[in-house]
PDB file of N, CA and C in Angstrom:
ATOM      1  N   MET A   1       1.115  -1.209   0.111  1.00  0.00           N
ATOM      2  CA  MET A   1       0.014  -0.056   0.035  1.00  0.00           C
ATOM      3  C   MET A   1       0.789   1.029   0.099  1.00  0.00           C
ATOM      4  N   HIS A   2       2.054   1.281   0.883  1.00  0.00           N
ATOM      5  CA  HIS A   2       2.894   2.354   0.811  1.00  0.00           C
ATOM      6  C   HIS A   2       3.390   2.757  -0.463  1.00  0.00           C
ATOM      7  N   GLU A   3       3.763   1.775  -1.248  1.00  0.00           N
ATOM      8  CA  GLU A   3       4.464   1.889  -2.441  1.00  0.00           C
ATOM      9  C   GLU A   3       3.329   2.361  -3.548  1.00  0.00           C
ATOM     10  N   LEU A   4       2.096   1.744  -3.510  1.00  0.00           N
ATOM     11  CA  LEU A   4       1.198   2.482  -4.318  1.00  0.00           C
ATOM     12  C   LEU A   4       0.932   4.038  -4.026  1.00  0.00           C
ATOM     13  N   LEU A   5       0.672   4.686  -2.638  1.00  0.00           N
ATOM     14  CA  LEU A   5       0.513   6.005  -2.544  1.00  0.00           C
ATOM     15  C   LEU A   5       1.714   6.723  -2.858  1.00  0.00           C
ATOM     16  N   THR A   6       3.114   6.072  -2.753  1.00  0.00           N
ATOM     17  CA  THR A   6       4.252   6.933  -3.041  1.00  0.00           C
ATOM     18  C   THR A   6       4.202   7.387  -4.600  1.00  0.00           C
ATOM     19  N   THR A   7       3.934   6.364  -5.446  1.00  0.00           N
ATOM     20  CA  THR A   7       3.665   6.343  -6.835  1.00  0.00           C
ATOM     21  C   THR A   7       2.577   7.649  -7.434  1.00  0.00           C
ATOM     22  N   VAL A   8       1.515   7.998  -6.314  1.00  0.00           N
ATOM     23  CA  VAL A   8       0.644   8.818  -6.795  1.00  0.00           C
ATOM     24  C   VAL A   8       1.087  10.132  -6.039  1.00  0.00           C
ATOM     25  N   GLY A   9       2.188  10.232  -5.383  1.00  0.00           N
ATOM     26  CA  GLY A   9       2.574  11.208  -4.787  1.00  0.00           C
ATOM     27  C   GLY A   9       2.285  11.814  -3.660  1.00  0.00           C
ATOM     28  N   VAL A  10       1.651  10.863  -2.612  1.00  0.00           N
ATOM     29  CA  VAL A  10       1.751  10.887  -1.367  1.00  0.00           C
ATOM     30  C   VAL A  10       2.966  10.854  -0.585  1.00  0.00           C
ATOM     31  N   GLU A  11       3.175  11.899   0.340  1.00  0.00           N
ATOM     32  CA  GLU A  11       4.624  11.829   0.961  1.00  0.00           C
ATOM     33  C   GLU A  11       4.346  12.049   2.524  1.00  0.00           C
ATOM     34  N   GLU A  12       5.327  11.178   3.410  1.00  0.00           N
ATOM     35  CA  GLU A  12       5.081  11.151   4.880  1.00  0.00           C
ATOM     36  C   GLU A  12       5.720  12.596   5.109  1.00  0.00           C
ATOM     37  N   ILE A  13       5.041  13.312   6.170  1.00  0.00           N
ATOM     38  CA  ILE A  13       5.801  14.660   6.684  1.00  0.00           C
ATOM     39  C   ILE A  13       6.740  14.183   7.562  1.00  0.00           C
ATOM     40  N   ASP A  14       8.136  14.829   7.166  1.00  0.00           N
ATOM     41  CA  ASP A  14       9.504  14.771   7.737  1.00  0.00           C
ATOM     42  C   ASP A  14       9.050  15.798   9.001  1.00  0.00           C
ATOM     43  N   ALA A  15       9.005  15.408  10.104  1.00  0.00           N
ATOM     44  CA  ALA A  15       8.699  16.210  11.418  1.00  0.00           C
ATOM     45  C   ALA A  15       9.766  16.125  12.576  1.00  0.00           C
ATOM     46  N   LEU A  16      10.207  15.187  12.652  1.00  0.00           N
ATOM     47  CA  LEU A  16      11.472  14.824  14.031  1.00  0.00           C
ATOM     48  C   LEU A  16      12.366  15.873  13.764  1.00  0.00           C
ATOM     49  N   GLY A  17      12.572  16.688  14.843  1.00  0.00           N
ATOM     50  CA  GLY A  17      13.772  17.524  14.829  1.00  0.00           C
ATOM     51  C   GLY A  17      13.549  18.843  13.957  1.00  0.00           C
ATOM     52  N   LYS A  18      12.434  19.031  13.213  1.00  0.00           N
ATOM     53  CA  LYS A  18      12.090  20.141  12.748  1.00  0.00           C
ATOM     54  C   LYS A  18      11.330  21.039  13.765  1.00  0.00           C
ATOM     55  N   PRO A  19      11.380  22.586  13.400  1.00  0.00           N
ATOM     56  CA  PRO A  19      10.509  23.471  13.957  1.00  0.00           C
ATOM     57  C   PRO A  19       9.021  23.135  13.709  1.00  0.00           C
ATOM     58  N   PHE A  20       8.250  23.329  14.644  1.00  0.00           N
ATOM     59  CA  PHE A  20       6.789  23.185  15.011  1.00  0.00           C
ATOM     60  C   PHE A  20       6.121  24.117  13.784  1.00  0.00           C
ATOM     61  N   ASP A  21       5.256  23.483  13.199  1.00  0.00           N
ATOM     62  CA  ASP A  21       4.334  24.239  12.081  1.00  0.00           C
ATOM     63  C   ASP A  21       3.174  23.834  12.349  1.00  0.00           C
ATOM     64  N   PRO A  22       2.072  24.587  12.925  1.00  0.00           N
ATOM     65  CA  PRO A  22       0.827  24.143  13.006  1.00  0.00           C
ATOM     66  C   PRO A  22       0.087  24.042  11.849  1.00  0.00           C
ATOM     67  N   ASN A  23       0.713  24.086  10.616  1.00  0.00           N
ATOM     68  CA  ASN A  23      -0.197  23.781   9.433  1.00  0.00           C
ATOM     69  C   ASN A  23       0.050  22.344   9.032  1.00  0.00           C
ATOM     70  N   ILE A  24       1.074  21.779   9.367  1.00  0.00           N
ATOM     71  CA  ILE A  24       1.510  20.514   8.932  1.00  0.00           C
ATOM     72  C   ILE A  24       1.526  19.300  10.435  1.00  0.00           C
ATOM     73  N   HIS A  25       1.576  20.221  11.501  1.00  0.00           N
ATOM     74  CA  HIS A  25       1.821  19.325  12.960  1.00  0.00           C
ATOM     75  C   HIS A  25       0.726  19.510  13.672  1.00  0.00           C
ATOM     76  N   PHE A  26       0.334  18.704  14.548  1.00  0.00           N
ATOM     77  CA  PHE A  26      -0.751  18.467  15.420  1.00  0.00           C
ATOM     78  C   PHE A  26       0.055  18.316  16.735  1.00  0.00           C
ATOM     79  N   ALA A  27       0.271  19.391  17.782  1.00  0.00           N
ATOM     80  CA  ALA A  27       0.801  19.056  18.938  1.00  0.00           C
ATOM     81  C   ALA A  27      -0.049  18.459  20.025  1.00  0.00           C
ATOM     82  N   VAL A  28       0.422  17.363  20.580  1.00  0.00           N
ATOM     83  CA  VAL A  28      -0.670  16.858  21.525  1.00  0.00           C
ATOM     84  C   VAL A  28       0.082  16.764  23.129  1.00  0.00           C
ATOM     85  N   MET A  29       1.498  16.638  22.833  1.00  0.00           N
ATOM     86  CA  MET A  29       2.031  17.064  24.087  1.00  0.00           C
ATOM     87  C   MET A  29       3.276  18.059  24.074  1.00  0.00           C
ATOM     88  N   ARG A  30       3.607  18.519  25.221  1.00  0.00           N
ATOM     89  CA  ARG A  30       4.787  19.480  25.409  1.00  0.00           C
ATOM     90  C   ARG A  30       5.627  18.992  26.274  1.00  0.00           C
ATOM     91  N   GLU A  31       7.024  19.094  26.121  1.00  0.00           N
ATOM     92  CA  GLU A  31       7.881  18.915  27.427  1.00  0.00           C
ATOM     93  C   GLU A  31       9.192  19.927  27.474  1.00  0.00           C
ATOM     94  N   ASP A  32       9.761  19.893  28.460  1.00  0.00           N
ATOM     95  CA  ASP A  32      10.925  20.952  28.728  1.00  0.00           C
ATOM     96  C   ASP A  32      11.865  20.302  27.658  1.00  0.00           C
ATOM     97  N   ALA A  33      12.563  21.422  27.088  1.00  0.00           N
ATOM     98  CA  ALA A  33      13.551  21.592  25.833  1.00  0.00           C
ATOM     99  C   ALA A  33      14.796  20.905  26.603  1.00  0.00           C
ATOM    100  N   ALA A  34      15.380  19.675  26.155  1.00  0.00           N
ATOM    101  CA  ALA A  34      16.533  19.020  26.737  1.00  0.00           C
ATOM    102  C   ALA A  34      17.672  20.101  26.392  1.00  0.00           C
ATOM    103  N   ASP A  35      18.917  19.783  26.927  1.00  0.00           N
ATOM    104  CA  ASP A  35      20.028  20.611  26.323  1.00  0.00           C
ATOM    105  C   ASP A  35      20.194  20.306  24.901  1.00  0.00           C
ATOM    106  N   GLY A  36      20.532  21.574  24.363  1.00  0.00           N
ATOM    107  CA  GLY A  36      20.513  21.579  22.848  1.00  0.00           C
ATOM    108  C   GLY A  36      19.600  21.601  21.981  1.00  0.00           C
ATOM    109  N   VAL A  37      18.452  21.479  22.576  1.00  0.00           N
ATOM    110  CA  VAL A  37      17.304  21.382  21.926  1.00  0.00           C
ATOM    111  C   VAL A  37      16.311  22.673  21.696  1.00  0.00           C
ATOM    112  N   GLU A  38      16.210  23.415  20.656  1.00  0.00           N
ATOM    113  CA  GLU A  38      15.549  24.768  20.742  1.00  0.00           C
ATOM    114  C   GLU A  38      14.134  24.652  21.031  1.00  0.00           C
ATOM    115  N   PRO A  39      13.429  25.836  21.751  1.00  0.00           N
ATOM    116  CA  PRO A  39      12.151  25.486  21.792  1.00  0.00           C
ATOM    117  C   PRO A  39      11.335  25.490  20.800  1.00  0.00           C
ATOM    118  N   ASP A  40      10.166  25.053  20.629  1.00  0.00           N
ATOM    119  CA  ASP A  40       9.155  24.847  19.544  1.00  0.00           C
ATOM    120  C   ASP A  40       9.722  23.932  18.512  1.00  0.00           C
ATOM    121  N   THR A  41      10.554  22.980  18.658  1.00  0.00           N
ATOM    122  CA  THR A  41      11.124  21.915  18.075  1.00  0.00           C
ATOM    123  C   THR A  41      10.446  20.538  18.444  1.00  0.00           C
ATOM    124  N   VAL A  42      10.036  19.873  17.159  1.00  0.00           N
ATOM    125  CA  VAL A  42       9.392  18.471  17.605  1.00  0.00           C
ATOM    126  C   VAL A  42      10.433  17.522  17.941  1.00  0.00           C
ATOM    127  N   THR A  43       9.935  17.001  19.102  1.00  0.00           N
ATOM    128  CA  THR A  43      10.877  15.889  19.728  1.00  0.00           C
ATOM    129  C   THR A  43      10.501  14.562  19.710  1.00  0.00           C
ATOM    130  N   ALA A  44       9.297  14.480  19.306  1.00  0.00           N
ATOM    131  CA  ALA A  44       8.663  13.049  19.076  1.00  0.00           C
ATOM    132  C   ALA A  44       7.628  12.976  17.915  1.00  0.00           C
ATOM    133  N   VAL A  45       7.544  11.958  16.980  1.00  0.00           N
ATOM    134  CA  VAL A  45       6.382  11.869  16.527  1.00  0.00           C
ATOM    135  C   VAL A  45       5.530  10.482  16.814  1.00  0.00           C
ATOM    136  N   LEU A  46       4.403  10.883  17.294  1.00  0.00           N
ATOM    137  CA  LEU A  46       3.363   9.924  17.792  1.00  0.00           C
ATOM    138  C   LEU A  46       2.653   9.150  16.729  1.00  0.00           C
ATOM    139  N   GLN A  47       2.354  10.073  15.703  1.00  0.00           N
ATOM    140  CA  GLN A  47       1.585   9.571  14.352  1.00  0.00           C
ATOM    141  C   GLN A  47       2.070  10.113  13.171  1.00  0.00           C
ATOM    142  N   THR A  48       2.391   9.343  12.100  1.00  0.00           N
ATOM    143  CA  THR A  48       2.987   9.919  11.045  1.00  0.00           C
ATOM    144  C   THR A  48       1.766  10.738  10.271  1.00  0.00           C
ATOM    145  N   GLY A  49       2.302  11.848   9.622  1.00  0.00           N
ATOM    146  CA  GLY A  49       1.405  12.707   8.698  1.00  0.00           C
ATOM    147  C   GLY A  49       1.793  12.634   7.367  1.00  0.00           C
ATOM    148  N   TYR A  50       0.961  12.961   6.724  1.00  0.00           N
ATOM    149  CA  TYR A  50       0.882  12.548   5.291  1.00  0.00           C
ATOM    150  C   TYR A  50       0.629  13.955   4.306  1.00  0.00           C
ATOM    151  N   ILE A  51       1.413  14.028   3.202  1.00  0.00           N
ATOM    152  CA  ILE A  51       0.905  15.454   2.367  1.00  0.00           C
ATOM    153  C   ILE A  51       0.719  14.938   1.033  1.00  0.00           C
ATOM    154  N   TRP A  52       0.215  15.704   0.326  1.00  0.00           N
ATOM    155  CA  TRP A  52       0.028  15.057  -1.361  1.00  0.00           C
ATOM    156  C   TRP A  52       0.031  16.347  -2.087  1.00  0.00           C
ATOM    157  N   GLY A  53       1.001  16.626  -2.492  1.00  0.00           N
ATOM    158  CA  GLY A  53       1.395  17.849  -3.336  1.00  0.00           C
ATOM    159  C   GLY A  53       1.355  19.188  -2.308  1.00  0.00           C
ATOM    160  N   ASP A  54       0.528  20.064  -2.115  1.00  0.00           N
ATOM    161  CA  ASP A  54       0.442  21.155  -1.282  1.00  0.00           C
ATOM    162  C   ASP A  54      -0.594  20.957  -0.540  1.00  0.00           C
ATOM    163  N   LYS A  55      -1.115  19.519  -0.168  1.00  0.00           N
ATOM    164  CA  LYS A  55      -2.282  19.651   0.592  1.00  0.00           C
ATOM    165  C   LYS A  55      -1.966  18.521   1.831  1.00  0.00           C
ATOM    166  N   VAL A  56      -2.505  18.815   2.882  1.00  0.00           N
ATOM    167  CA  VAL A  56      -2.118  17.969   4.091  1.00  0.00           C
ATOM    168  C   VAL A  56      -3.345  16.998   4.203  1.00  0.00           C
ATOM    169  N   LEU A  57      -3.055  15.839   4.117  1.00  0.00           N
ATOM    170  CA  LEU A  57      -3.803  14.468   4.197  1.00  0.00           C
ATOM    171  C   LEU A  57      -4.258  14.527   5.713  1.00  0.00           C
ATOM    172  N   ARG A  58      -3.123  14.220   6.548  1.00  0.00           N
ATOM    173  CA  ARG A  58      -3.257  14.141   7.941  1.00  0.00           C
ATOM    174  C   ARG A  58      -2.218  14.663   8.426  1.00  0.00           C
ATOM    175  N   PRO A  59      -2.366  15.620   9.521  1.00  0.00           N
ATOM    176  CA  PRO A  59      -1.098  16.242  10.017  1.00  0.00           C
ATOM    177  C   PRO A  59      -0.440  15.203  10.789  1.00  0.00           C
ATOM    178  N   ALA A  60       0.993  15.460  11.236  1.00  0.00           N
ATOM    179  CA  ALA A  60       1.773  14.501  12.015  1.00  0.00           C
ATOM    180  C   ALA A  60       1.324  15.334  13.600  1.00  0.00           C
ATOM    181  N   MET A  61       0.986  13.973  14.144  1.00  0.00           N
ATOM    182  CA  MET A  61       0.610  14.291  15.698  1.00  0.00           C
ATOM    183  C   MET A  61       2.183  14.182  16.496  1.00  0.00           C
ATOM    184  N   VAL A  62       2.598  15.224  17.219  1.00  0.00           N
ATOM    185  CA  VAL A  62       3.733  15.612  17.549  1.00  0.00           C
ATOM    186  C   VAL A  62       3.922  15.840  19.054  1.00  0.00           C
ATOM    187  N   LYS A  63       5.261  15.619  19.596  1.00  0.00           N
ATOM    188  CA  LYS A  63       5.395  16.176  20.918  1.00  0.00           C
ATOM    189  C   LYS A  63       6.492  17.319  20.866  1.00  0.00           C
ATOM    190  N   VAL A  64       6.254  18.416  21.540  1.00  0.00           N
ATOM    191  CA  VAL A  64       6.855  19.492  21.226  1.00  0.00           C
ATOM    192  C   VAL A  64       7.759  20.060  22.226  1.00  0.00           C
ATOM    193  N   ALA A  65       9.059  20.547  22.282  1.00  0.00           N
ATOM    194  CA  ALA A  65       9.890  21.331  23.255  1.00  0.00           C
ATOM    195  C   ALA A  65       9.359  22.441  23.771  1.00  0.00           C
ATOM    196  N   ASN A  66       9.257  22.723  24.930  1.00  0.00           N
ATOM    197  CA  ASN A  66       8.825  24.005  25.365  1.00  0.00           C
ATOM    198  C   ASN A  66       9.891  25.087  25.292  1.00  0.00           C
TER     199      ASN A  66
END
């Protein structure tokens, strides 16, 4: 199934370690930032998100650093 979705242009949202973007991420948890981690950085992906072209099919469910 994953291969079929890839052939039609559906891509996973690369979220881990990226700055939080409410347009493509859905934050369900916040945690204190660890040493070397900037605030508002995605620290964990709880559910993978998907995009198709410029449309978000499902936002990535993430944990974000304070």
